[in-house]
Amino acid sequence: MNALLLTRDRPARDSHSGVLNAVYLLFVDELGILEKEAHSVMTNARNWRRRWHYESREPSQPLVERFVSLAEHVHELAVNSA
C-alpha cells in the first residue's frame, strides 16, 4: 500500500492505520480508482493479521482468498500507475 502511495508522489506512512487512511483518501475519495468495499477488505485484513499474530487465530480460506485477490488488484494498480 505504501508503494501505491509512492507511485502518486504521496509520502509513505509509518502505521497500518495511516496507510489505510491515506489509501482511502487518495484512491477511493479523490481518484475513485478503488471501491469503498476495498477499504473495508483492507481493514479486515489488518484486523485478521492482528488476530493471527497476537491470538494465533486464522481466517477462513474464502477470507484469505478475498485478501489475496485485493492485494493482486492493488499490485496491478501500482504497476499500471508507475
Protein backbone atom coordinates (compact mmCIF):
# COMPACT_ATOMS: atom_id res chain seq x y z
CA MET A 1 0.00 0.00 0.00
CA ASN A 2 2.86 2.36 0.79
CA ALA A 3 4.32 1.60 -2.64
CA LEU A 4 1.00 2.50 -4.22
CA LEU A 5 1.04 5.84 -2.38
CA LEU A 6 4.59 6.50 -3.57
CA THR A 7 3.52 5.97 -7.21
CA ARG A 8 1.35 9.06 -6.76
CA ASP A 9 4.08 11.11 -5.09
CA ARG A 10 2.45 10.77 -1.68
CA PRO A 11 4.58 10.12 1.40
CA ALA A 12 4.72 6.63 2.89
CA ARG A 13 3.08 6.18 6.27
CA ASP A 14 4.58 4.62 9.39
CA SER A 15 1.48 2.88 10.76
CA HIS A 16 -1.03 0.45 9.29
CA SER A 17 -3.86 2.84 10.16
CA GLY A 18 -2.04 5.73 8.50
CA VAL A 19 -1.55 3.74 5.32
CA LEU A 20 -5.20 2.66 5.23
CA ASN A 21 -6.40 6.21 5.76
CA ALA A 22 -4.09 7.64 3.09
CA VAL A 23 -5.09 4.96 0.57
CA TYR A 24 -8.77 5.60 1.25
CA LEU A 25 -8.46 9.36 0.89
CA LEU A 26 -6.47 9.18 -2.33
CA PHE A 27 -7.67 6.09 -4.17
CA VAL A 28 -11.31 5.94 -3.03
CA ASP A 29 -12.34 9.53 -2.30
CA GLU A 30 -10.11 11.57 -4.60
CA LEU A 31 -9.41 9.36 -7.62
CA GLY A 32 -12.19 6.77 -7.41
CA ILE A 33 -9.80 4.01 -8.50
CA LEU A 34 -10.65 1.67 -5.62
CA GLU A 35 -14.15 0.84 -4.45
CA LYS A 36 -15.22 1.69 -0.90
CA GLU A 37 -15.51 -2.02 -0.23
CA ALA A 38 -11.77 -2.39 -0.94
CA HIS A 39 -11.03 -0.23 2.10
CA SER A 40 -13.25 -2.46 4.24
CA VAL A 41 -11.42 -5.54 2.99
CA MET A 42 -8.04 -3.92 3.75
CA THR A 43 -9.19 -3.01 7.26
CA ASN A 44 -10.48 -6.53 7.78
CA ALA A 45 -7.14 -7.95 6.59
CA ARG A 46 -5.28 -5.72 9.07
CA ASN A 47 -7.57 -6.88 11.88
CA TRP A 48 -7.07 -10.52 10.97
CA ARG A 49 -3.31 -10.01 10.87
CA ARG A 50 -3.52 -8.82 14.50
CA ARG A 51 -5.68 -11.81 15.49
CA TRP A 52 -3.27 -14.20 13.78
CA HIS A 53 -0.19 -12.57 15.28
CA TYR A 54 -1.42 -12.00 18.83
CA GLU A 55 -4.16 -14.65 19.30
CA SER A 56 -2.99 -17.41 16.91
CA ARG A 57 -6.36 -17.28 15.13
CA GLU A 58 -6.52 -17.91 11.41
CA PRO A 59 -9.04 -16.50 8.93
CA SER A 60 -11.15 -18.83 6.79
CA GLN A 61 -9.92 -19.88 3.35
CA PRO A 62 -12.54 -17.77 1.50
CA LEU A 63 -11.50 -14.72 3.51
CA VAL A 64 -7.82 -15.32 2.74
CA GLU A 65 -8.70 -15.62 -0.95
CA ARG A 66 -10.53 -12.29 -0.76
CA PHE A 67 -7.48 -10.63 0.82
CA VAL A 68 -5.17 -12.10 -1.83
CA SER A 69 -7.49 -11.01 -4.63
CA LEU A 70 -7.49 -7.44 -3.35
CA ALA A 71 -3.69 -7.49 -2.94
CA GLU A 72 -3.35 -8.62 -6.56
CA HIS A 73 -5.70 -5.85 -7.69
CA VAL A 74 -3.75 -3.22 -5.76
CA HIS A 75 -0.47 -4.56 -7.15
CA GLU A 76 -1.88 -4.25 -10.66
CA LEU A 77 -2.85 -0.65 -9.93
CA ALA A 78 0.65 0.09 -8.67
CA VAL A 79 2.29 -1.44 -11.74
CA ASN A 80 -0.01 0.42 -14.12
CA SER A 81 0.48 3.70 -12.22
CA ALA A 82 4.26 3.64 -12.48
